C-alpha atoms as a PDB file:
ATOM      1  CA  MET A   1      32.331  33.867 -21.514  1.00  0.00           C
ATOM      2  CA  ASP A   2      35.473  33.183 -19.456  1.00  0.00           C
ATOM      3  CA  GLN A   3      33.953  32.391 -16.029  1.00  0.00           C
ATOM      4  CA  VAL A   4      30.604  31.607 -14.406  1.00  0.00           C
ATOM      5  CA  LYS A   5      29.831  33.426 -11.206  1.00  0.00           C
ATOM      6  CA  ALA A   6      28.817  31.104  -8.369  1.00  0.00           C
ATOM      7  CA  LYS A   7      25.205  31.652  -7.316  1.00  0.00           C
ATOM      8  CA  LYS A   8      24.385  31.223  -3.619  1.00  0.00           C
ATOM      9  CA  HIS A   9      20.740  30.339  -4.202  1.00  0.00           C
ATOM     10  CA  LEU A  10      21.847  27.366  -6.377  1.00  0.00           C
ATOM     11  CA  GLY A  11      24.359  26.131  -3.757  1.00  0.00           C
ATOM     12  CA  GLN A  12      27.219  26.537  -6.261  1.00  0.00           C
ATOM     13  CA  HIS A  13      30.749  25.967  -5.099  1.00  0.00           C
ATOM     14  CA  PHE A  14      33.000  25.315  -8.130  1.00  0.00           C
ATOM     15  CA  LEU A  15      35.696  22.701  -7.674  1.00  0.00           C
ATOM     16  CA  THR A  16      39.113  24.067  -8.668  1.00  0.00           C
ATOM     17  CA  ASP A  17      41.367  21.081  -7.973  1.00  0.00           C
ATOM     18  CA  GLU A  18      41.937  19.127 -11.231  1.00  0.00           C
ATOM     19  CA  ASN A  19      43.322  16.060  -9.493  1.00  0.00           C
ATOM     20  CA  ILE A  20      40.213  15.678  -7.342  1.00  0.00           C
ATOM     21  CA  ALA A  21      38.021  16.096 -10.406  1.00  0.00           C
ATOM     22  CA  ARG A  22      39.945  13.348 -12.141  1.00  0.00           C
ATOM     23  CA  LYS A  23      39.680  11.029  -9.106  1.00  0.00           C
ATOM     24  CA  ILE A  24      35.910  11.565  -9.002  1.00  0.00           C
ATOM     25  CA  ALA A  25      35.645  10.699 -12.719  1.00  0.00           C
ATOM     26  CA  GLU A  26      37.553   7.496 -11.986  1.00  0.00           C
ATOM     27  CA  THR A  27      34.969   6.312  -9.359  1.00  0.00           C
ATOM     28  CA  LEU A  28      32.613   4.963 -12.098  1.00  0.00           C
ATOM     29  CA  SER A  29      33.329   1.509 -13.552  1.00  0.00           C
ATOM     30  CA  GLY A  30      31.343   1.724 -16.698  1.00  0.00           C
ATOM     31  CA  GLU A  31      29.936  -1.731 -16.171  1.00  0.00           C
ATOM     32  CA  GLY A  32      26.348  -2.351 -17.211  1.00  0.00           C
ATOM     33  CA  TYR A  33      25.727   0.949 -19.014  1.00  0.00           C
ATOM     34  CA  ASP A  34      26.943   3.158 -21.872  1.00  0.00           C
ATOM     35  CA  ASP A  35      25.462   6.495 -20.703  1.00  0.00           C
ATOM     36  CA  ILE A  36      26.458   8.936 -17.933  1.00  0.00           C
ATOM     37  CA  LEU A  37      24.435  11.756 -16.487  1.00  0.00           C
ATOM     38  CA  GLU A  38      26.348  14.463 -14.679  1.00  0.00           C
ATOM     39  CA  ILE A  39      24.219  16.636 -12.409  1.00  0.00           C
ATOM     40  CA  GLY A  40      25.251  20.299 -12.041  1.00  0.00           C
ATOM     41  CA  PRO A  41      28.430  20.415 -14.129  1.00  0.00           C
ATOM     42  CA  GLY A  42      28.982  24.095 -13.696  1.00  0.00           C
ATOM     43  CA  MET A  43      32.023  25.026 -15.692  1.00  0.00           C
ATOM     44  CA  GLY A  44      32.901  21.379 -16.558  1.00  0.00           C
ATOM     45  CA  VAL A  45      35.815  20.653 -14.219  1.00  0.00           C
ATOM     46  CA  LEU A  46      34.538  17.104 -13.781  1.00  0.00           C
ATOM     47  CA  THR A  47      32.977  16.894 -17.196  1.00  0.00           C
ATOM     48  CA  LYS A  48      36.232  17.136 -19.121  1.00  0.00           C
ATOM     49  CA  TYR A  49      37.474  13.976 -17.465  1.00  0.00           C
ATOM     50  CA  LEU A  50      34.183  12.101 -18.118  1.00  0.00           C
ATOM     51  CA  LEU A  51      34.446  13.077 -21.754  1.00  0.00           C
ATOM     52  CA  GLU A  52      37.793  11.200 -21.970  1.00  0.00           C
ATOM     53  CA  LYS A  53      36.036   7.931 -21.284  1.00  0.00           C
ATOM     54  CA  ASP A  54      34.289   5.601 -23.746  1.00  0.00           C
ATOM     55  CA  TRP A  55      30.735   6.324 -22.574  1.00  0.00           C
ATOM     56  CA  THR A  56      28.167   8.909 -23.795  1.00  0.00           C
ATOM     57  CA  VAL A  57      28.126  11.922 -21.401  1.00  0.00           C
ATOM     58  CA  HIS A  58      24.920  13.830 -20.793  1.00  0.00           C
ATOM     59  CA  VAL A  59      24.761  16.798 -18.396  1.00  0.00           C
ATOM     60  CA  ILE A  60      21.796  18.431 -16.645  1.00  0.00           C
ATOM     61  CA  GLU A  61      22.223  21.981 -15.454  1.00  0.00           C
ATOM     62  CA  ILE A  62      19.598  24.423 -14.152  1.00  0.00           C
ATOM     63  CA  ASP A  63      21.909  27.482 -14.324  1.00  0.00           C
ATOM     64  CA  THR A  64      21.557  29.086 -17.798  1.00  0.00           C
ATOM     65  CA  GLU A  65      24.906  30.907 -17.438  1.00  0.00           C
ATOM     66  CA  SER A  66      26.626  27.508 -16.898  1.00  0.00           C
ATOM     67  CA  VAL A  67      24.761  26.089 -19.865  1.00  0.00           C
ATOM     68  CA  GLU A  68      26.076  28.952 -22.106  1.00  0.00           C
ATOM     69  CA  TYR A  69      29.580  28.279 -20.797  1.00  0.00           C
ATOM     70  CA  LEU A  70      29.447  24.553 -21.447  1.00  0.00           C
ATOM     71  CA  ASN A  71      28.093  25.110 -24.987  1.00  0.00           C
ATOM     72  CA  GLY A  72      30.992  27.428 -25.720  1.00  0.00           C
ATOM     73  CA  HIS A  73      33.764  25.299 -24.192  1.00  0.00           C
ATOM     74  CA  TYR A  74      32.790  21.624 -24.757  1.00  0.00           C
ATOM     75  CA  PRO A  75      31.764  20.917 -28.344  1.00  0.00           C
ATOM     76  CA  LYS A  76      31.511  17.183 -27.550  1.00  0.00           C
ATOM     77  CA  LEU A  77      28.560  18.038 -25.332  1.00  0.00           C
ATOM     78  CA  HIS A  78      26.443  19.581 -28.166  1.00  0.00           C
ATOM     79  CA  GLY A  79      23.018  17.987 -28.052  1.00  0.00           C
ATOM     80  CA  LYS A  80      23.808  16.413 -24.664  1.00  0.00           C
ATOM     81  CA  ILE A  81      23.107  19.385 -22.414  1.00  0.00           C
ATOM     82  CA  VAL A  82      19.728  19.355 -20.601  1.00  0.00           C
ATOM     83  CA  SER A  83      18.869  22.809 -19.344  1.00  0.00           C
ATOM     84  CA  GLU A  84      16.391  21.595 -16.654  1.00  0.00           C
ATOM     85  CA  ASP A  85      15.990  20.900 -12.947  1.00  0.00           C
ATOM     86  CA  PHE A  86      17.091  17.286 -12.263  1.00  0.00           C
ATOM     87  CA  LEU A  87      14.459  16.922  -9.548  1.00  0.00           C
ATOM     88  CA  ARG A  88      11.652  17.720 -11.981  1.00  0.00           C
ATOM     89  CA  TYR A  89      12.928  16.580 -15.342  1.00  0.00           C
ATOM     90  CA  ASP A  90      11.443  13.457 -17.065  1.00  0.00           C
ATOM     91  CA  LEU A  91      14.684  11.522 -17.633  1.00  0.00           C
ATOM     92  CA  GLY A  92      12.772   9.181 -20.037  1.00  0.00           C
ATOM     93  CA  LYS A  93      13.162  12.009 -22.602  1.00  0.00           C
ATOM     94  CA  THR A  94      16.913  11.578 -22.552  1.00  0.00           C
ATOM     95  CA  PHE A  95      17.431   7.873 -21.743  1.00  0.00           C
ATOM     96  CA  GLY A  96      14.178   6.126 -22.621  1.00  0.00           C
ATOM     97  CA  ASP A  97      14.480   2.909 -20.586  1.00  0.00           C
ATOM     98  CA  ARG A  98      18.262   2.606 -21.029  1.00  0.00           C
ATOM     99  CA  PRO A  99      20.475   2.164 -17.969  1.00  0.00           C
ATOM    100  CA  PHE A 100      22.704   5.125 -17.008  1.00  0.00           C
ATOM    101  CA  ALA A 101      25.076   6.069 -14.212  1.00  0.00           C
ATOM    102  CA  ILE A 102      24.750   9.299 -12.217  1.00  0.00           C
ATOM    103  CA  ILE A 103      27.727  11.434 -11.140  1.00  0.00           C
ATOM    104  CA  GLY A 104      28.294  14.979  -9.957  1.00  0.00           C
ATOM    105  CA  ASN A 105      29.585  17.503  -7.475  1.00  0.00           C
ATOM    106  CA  PHE A 106      26.086  17.804  -6.095  1.00  0.00           C
ATOM    107  CA  PRO A 107      24.616  21.097  -4.795  1.00  0.00           C
ATOM    108  CA  TYR A 108      24.533  20.530  -1.018  1.00  0.00           C
ATOM    109  CA  ASN A 109      21.226  22.204  -0.565  1.00  0.00           C
ATOM    110  CA  ILE A 110      19.381  19.513  -2.623  1.00  0.00           C
ATOM    111  CA  SER A 111      21.834  16.512  -2.348  1.00  0.00           C
ATOM    112  CA  SER A 112      19.475  14.383  -0.197  1.00  0.00           C
ATOM    113  CA  GLN A 113      16.583  15.045  -2.676  1.00  0.00           C
ATOM    114  CA  ILE A 114      18.911  13.924  -5.530  1.00  0.00           C
ATOM    115  CA  VAL A 115      19.451  10.643  -3.707  1.00  0.00           C
ATOM    116  CA  PHE A 116      15.743  10.103  -3.112  1.00  0.00           C
ATOM    117  CA  ARG A 117      15.062  10.852  -6.749  1.00  0.00           C
ATOM    118  CA  MET A 118      17.807   8.350  -7.742  1.00  0.00           C
ATOM    119  CA  LEU A 119      16.120   5.712  -5.556  1.00  0.00           C
ATOM    120  CA  ASP A 120      12.840   6.283  -7.479  1.00  0.00           C
ATOM    121  CA  ILE A 121      14.533   5.358 -10.721  1.00  0.00           C
ATOM    122  CA  ARG A 122      16.920   2.689  -9.334  1.00  0.00           C
ATOM    123  CA  GLU A 123      15.924   0.186 -12.020  1.00  0.00           C
ATOM    124  CA  GLN A 124      17.891   2.332 -14.470  1.00  0.00           C
ATOM    125  CA  VAL A 125      20.774   3.397 -12.340  1.00  0.00           C
ATOM    126  CA  PRO A 126      23.329   0.672 -11.693  1.00  0.00           C
ATOM    127  CA  GLU A 127      25.992   3.138 -10.334  1.00  0.00           C
ATOM    128  CA  PHE A 128      25.983   6.530  -8.664  1.00  0.00           C
ATOM    129  CA  SER A 129      28.993   8.428  -7.383  1.00  0.00           C
ATOM    130  CA  GLY A 130      29.900  11.970  -6.474  1.00  0.00           C
ATOM    131  CA  MET A 131      30.543  14.659  -3.848  1.00  0.00           C
ATOM    132  CA  PHE A 132      28.320  15.617  -0.953  1.00  0.00           C
ATOM    133  CA  GLN A 133      28.689  17.576   2.274  1.00  0.00           C
ATOM    134  CA  LYS A 134      30.887  15.258   4.313  1.00  0.00           C
ATOM    135  CA  GLU A 135      28.245  14.607   7.006  1.00  0.00           C
ATOM    136  CA  VAL A 136      25.642  13.596   4.365  1.00  0.00           C
ATOM    137  CA  ALA A 137      28.095  11.261   2.532  1.00  0.00           C
ATOM    138  CA  GLU A 138      28.968   9.614   5.866  1.00  0.00           C
ATOM    139  CA  ARG A 139      25.322   9.265   6.841  1.00  0.00           C
ATOM    140  CA  ILE A 140      24.462   7.473   3.516  1.00  0.00           C
ATOM    141  CA  CYS A 141      27.286   4.994   4.193  1.00  0.00           C
ATOM    142  CA  GLU A 142      26.769   4.589   7.915  1.00  0.00           C
ATOM    143  CA  LYS A 143      25.974   1.281   9.598  1.00  0.00           C
ATOM    144  CA  LYS A 144      23.490   0.599  12.411  1.00  0.00           C
ATOM    145  CA  GLY A 145      24.307   1.743  15.896  1.00  0.00           C
ATOM    146  CA  SER A 146      25.465   5.218  14.967  1.00  0.00           C
ATOM    147  CA  LYS A 147      23.666   8.497  15.782  1.00  0.00           C
ATOM    148  CA  THR A 148      23.990   9.482  12.104  1.00  0.00           C
ATOM    149  CA  TYR A 149      22.561   6.277  10.790  1.00  0.00           C
ATOM    150  CA  GLY A 150      19.065   7.121   9.575  1.00  0.00           C
ATOM    151  CA  ILE A 151      16.510   7.101   6.731  1.00  0.00           C
ATOM    152  CA  LEU A 152      19.006   7.723   3.962  1.00  0.00           C
ATOM    153  CA  SER A 153      21.346   5.003   5.269  1.00  0.00           C
ATOM    154  CA  VAL A 154      18.720   2.319   5.320  1.00  0.00           C
ATOM    155  CA  LEU A 155      16.909   3.188   2.082  1.00  0.00           C
ATOM    156  CA  VAL A 156      20.142   3.547   0.014  1.00  0.00           C
ATOM    157  CA  GLN A 157      21.750   0.404   1.512  1.00  0.00           C
ATOM    158  CA  ALA A 158      18.675  -1.683   0.880  1.00  0.00           C
ATOM    159  CA  PHE A 159      19.421  -1.426  -2.883  1.00  0.00           C
ATOM    160  CA  TYR A 160      23.044  -0.410  -3.130  1.00  0.00           C
ATOM    161  CA  LYS A 161      26.483  -1.100  -1.774  1.00  0.00           C
ATOM    162  CA  ALA A 162      27.572   2.220  -0.281  1.00  0.00           C
ATOM    163  CA  GLU A 163      31.326   3.183  -0.018  1.00  0.00           C
ATOM    164  CA  TYR A 164      32.694   6.389   1.463  1.00  0.00           C
ATOM    165  CA  LEU A 165      35.805   6.993  -0.631  1.00  0.00           C
ATOM    166  CA  PHE A 166      37.632  10.171   0.437  1.00  0.00           C
ATOM    167  CA  THR A 167      37.291  13.561   2.106  1.00  0.00           C
ATOM    168  CA  VAL A 168      37.750  16.850   0.263  1.00  0.00           C
ATOM    169  CA  SER A 169      38.969  20.138   1.854  1.00  0.00           C
ATOM    170  CA  GLU A 170      37.008  23.354   1.757  1.00  0.00           C
ATOM    171  CA  GLN A 171      39.982  25.094   0.153  1.00  0.00           C
ATOM    172  CA  VAL A 172      39.672  23.461  -3.256  1.00  0.00           C
ATOM    173  CA  PHE A 173      36.377  25.246  -4.089  1.00  0.00           C
ATOM    174  CA  ASN A 174      35.503  28.796  -5.380  1.00  0.00           C
ATOM    175  CA  PRO A 175      33.882  30.016  -3.167  1.00  0.00           C
ATOM    176  CA  PRO A 176      34.951  27.736  -0.387  1.00  0.00           C
ATOM    177  CA  PRO A 177      31.974  26.088   1.435  1.00  0.00           C
ATOM    178  CA  LYS A 178      31.881  26.224   5.303  1.00  0.00           C
ATOM    179  CA  VAL A 179      32.094  22.436   5.516  1.00  0.00           C
ATOM    180  CA  LYS A 180      34.244  19.603   4.314  1.00  0.00           C
ATOM    181  CA  SER A 181      33.058  17.425   1.445  1.00  0.00           C
ATOM    182  CA  GLY A 182      32.988  13.724   0.960  1.00  0.00           C
ATOM    183  CA  VAL A 183      33.026  11.513  -2.141  1.00  0.00           C
ATOM    184  CA  LEU A 184      31.009   8.227  -2.171  1.00  0.00           C
ATOM    185  CA  ARG A 185      30.149   5.536  -4.593  1.00  0.00           C
ATOM    186  CA  LEU A 186      26.929   3.487  -4.717  1.00  0.00           C
ATOM    187  CA  THR A 187      26.867   0.225  -6.709  1.00  0.00           C
ATOM    188  CA  ARG A 188      23.516  -1.428  -7.115  1.00  0.00           C
ATOM    189  CA  LYS A 189      23.120  -4.858  -5.667  1.00  0.00           C
ATOM    190  CA  THR A 190      22.767  -7.767  -8.123  1.00  0.00           C
ATOM    191  CA  ASP A 191      19.395  -8.584  -6.605  1.00  0.00           C
ATOM    192  CA  PHE A 192      17.886  -5.256  -5.722  1.00  0.00           C
ATOM    193  CA  GLU A 193      14.292  -6.254  -5.361  1.00  0.00           C
ATOM    194  CA  LEU A 194      13.193  -6.520  -1.738  1.00  0.00           C
ATOM    195  CA  PRO A 195      11.344  -9.589  -0.393  1.00  0.00           C
ATOM    196  CA  CYS A 196       8.585  -7.298   0.931  1.00  0.00           C
ATOM    197  CA  ASP A 197       6.219  -4.589  -0.131  1.00  0.00           C
ATOM    198  CA  GLU A 198       8.731  -1.824  -1.054  1.00  0.00           C
ATOM    199  CA  LYS A 199       6.257   1.036  -0.559  1.00  0.00           C
ATOM    200  CA  LEU A 200       5.515  -0.298   2.895  1.00  0.00           C
ATOM    201  CA  PHE A 201       9.262  -0.702   3.564  1.00  0.00           C
ATOM    202  CA  PHE A 202       9.858   3.026   2.750  1.00  0.00           C
ATOM    203  CA  LYS A 203       6.884   4.020   4.958  1.00  0.00           C
ATOM    204  CA  VAL A 204       8.096   1.867   7.918  1.00  0.00           C
ATOM    205  CA  VAL A 205      11.716   3.231   7.734  1.00  0.00           C
ATOM    206  CA  LYS A 206      10.608   6.856   7.492  1.00  0.00           C
ATOM    207  CA  ALA A 207       8.113   6.540  10.362  1.00  0.00           C
ATOM    208  CA  ALA A 208      10.589   4.752  12.578  1.00  0.00           C
ATOM    209  CA  PHE A 209      13.332   7.429  12.242  1.00  0.00           C
ATOM    210  CA  GLN A 210      10.938  10.387  12.473  1.00  0.00           C
ATOM    211  CA  GLN A 211      10.837   9.472  16.230  1.00  0.00           C
ATOM    212  CA  ARG A 212      14.293   7.910  16.478  1.00  0.00           C
ATOM    213  CA  ARG A 213      14.592   8.123  20.233  1.00  0.00           C
ATOM    214  CA  LYS A 214      11.440   6.062  20.729  1.00  0.00           C
ATOM    215  CA  THR A 215      11.158   2.283  20.394  1.00  0.00           C
ATOM    216  CA  ILE A 216       9.768   0.831  17.178  1.00  0.00           C
ATOM    217  CA  ARG A 217       6.630  -0.006  19.141  1.00  0.00           C
ATOM    218  CA  ASN A 218       5.981   3.650  19.960  1.00  0.00           C
ATOM    219  CA  SER A 219       7.097   5.104  16.590  1.00  0.00           C
ATOM    220  CA  LEU A 220       4.811   2.855  14.599  1.00  0.00           C
ATOM    221  CA  LYS A 221       1.716   3.333  16.782  1.00  0.00           C
ATOM    222  CA  THR A 222      -0.203   4.910  13.888  1.00  0.00           C
ATOM    223  CA  PHE A 223       0.083   1.662  11.872  1.00  0.00           C
ATOM    224  CA  GLY A 224      -2.665   0.093  13.954  1.00  0.00           C
ATOM    225  CA  LEU A 225      -0.684  -3.171  14.504  1.00  0.00           C
ATOM    226  CA  SER A 226      -2.191  -6.121  16.377  1.00  0.00           C
ATOM    227  CA  ASP A 227      -1.319  -6.591  20.050  1.00  0.00           C
ATOM    228  CA  LYS A 228       0.158  -9.954  19.233  1.00  0.00           C
ATOM    229  CA  LEU A 229       2.572  -8.443  16.667  1.00  0.00           C
ATOM    230  CA  ARG A 230       3.566  -5.625  18.984  1.00  0.00           C
ATOM    231  CA  GLU A 231       4.761  -8.276  21.498  1.00  0.00           C
ATOM    232  CA  ASP A 232       7.547  -9.223  19.130  1.00  0.00           C
ATOM    233  CA  THR A 233      10.939  -8.369  20.586  1.00  0.00           C
ATOM    234  CA  ILE A 234      11.921  -6.441  17.460  1.00  0.00           C
ATOM    235  CA  PHE A 235       9.487  -3.701  18.692  1.00  0.00           C
ATOM    236  CA  ASP A 236      11.634  -3.216  21.826  1.00  0.00           C
ATOM    237  CA  LEU A 237      14.434  -1.789  19.689  1.00  0.00           C
ATOM    238  CA  ARG A 238      15.099   1.798  18.529  1.00  0.00           C
ATOM    239  CA  PRO A 239      15.471   2.381  14.766  1.00  0.00           C
ATOM    240  CA  GLU A 240      19.240   2.893  14.757  1.00  0.00           C
ATOM    241  CA  GLN A 241      19.596  -0.634  16.297  1.00  0.00           C
ATOM    242  CA  LEU A 242      18.064  -2.336  13.130  1.00  0.00           C
ATOM    243  CA  ASP A 243      20.089  -3.003  10.036  1.00  0.00           C
ATOM    244  CA  VAL A 244      18.573  -3.275   6.569  1.00  0.00           C
ATOM    245  CA  ALA A 245      17.771  -6.956   6.905  1.00  0.00           C
ATOM    246  CA  GLN A 246      15.941  -6.320  10.143  1.00  0.00           C
ATOM    247  CA  PHE A 247      13.882  -3.526   8.632  1.00  0.00           C
ATOM    248  CA  ILE A 248      12.954  -5.949   5.818  1.00  0.00           C
ATOM    249  CA  ASP A 249      11.978  -8.533   8.438  1.00  0.00           C
ATOM    250  CA  LEU A 250       9.923  -5.861  10.301  1.00  0.00           C
ATOM    251  CA  THR A 251       8.162  -4.907   7.099  1.00  0.00           C
ATOM    252  CA  GLN A 252       7.388  -8.542   6.268  1.00  0.00           C
ATOM    253  CA  LYS A 253       5.824  -8.994   9.792  1.00  0.00           C
ATOM    254  CA  ILE A 254       3.767  -5.826   9.399  1.00  0.00           C
ATOM    255  CA  GLN A 255       2.635  -6.926   5.903  1.00  0.00           C
ATOM    256  CA  ALA A 256       1.523 -10.300   7.318  1.00  0.00           C
ATOM    257  CA  ASP A 257      -0.304  -8.524  10.104  1.00  0.00           C
ATOM    258  CA  GLY A 258      -2.605  -7.017   7.382  1.00  0.00           C
ATOM    259  CA  VAL A 259      -1.533  -3.390   7.443  1.00  0.00           C
END
């Protein structure tokens, strides 16, 4: 098999620029782990540069045609190709409880879901980098006060340092997507446990941004908060005005209120 045909329903756009693939491979430091998981390797344009490193490379690919191509062209991957859906696969089968980094040119139609899944297993993922639709990459790295600052921004930055690294043109893909792409790197914080109930934190952040034009007081009405707590000035703000520390503070106050 010489080529894999890009499949629209899988959101496949194959990167053709070797220099960009090499730059993405260089975004990982290798600190704190020996294993790498590449999501959606396609025909291996990024994979070949990961295999030059000193870590153990695993790939997960849902497209059976791509799996066949990888098996035929990358003998170093034999035994390291998982033909599964990343969003549903039990990663413990591959890594046990070992730490591993995640990298990839992520399918844009499921890129946000990939990030949420990564957050679920953050104890094992010290580093995460790769390519997204430009607007999504920017949103993840955005700071408070912006219209694009939202749920992904707060939840990711609660546990990781987020860096937007560089922009990638539509013209270096086959087929070209209709949008520009952006590469980011997430480095897990040294202390990534929150000083509040983490499930409640996720619930508060999601509820706040689901009605982002409203004040926190109005968007969290369903939480049944006490009148005394609702008088706190933090409830006068809209969600995009709160940084991660303020959302933690808000969660602590709600927790103390007995929710």
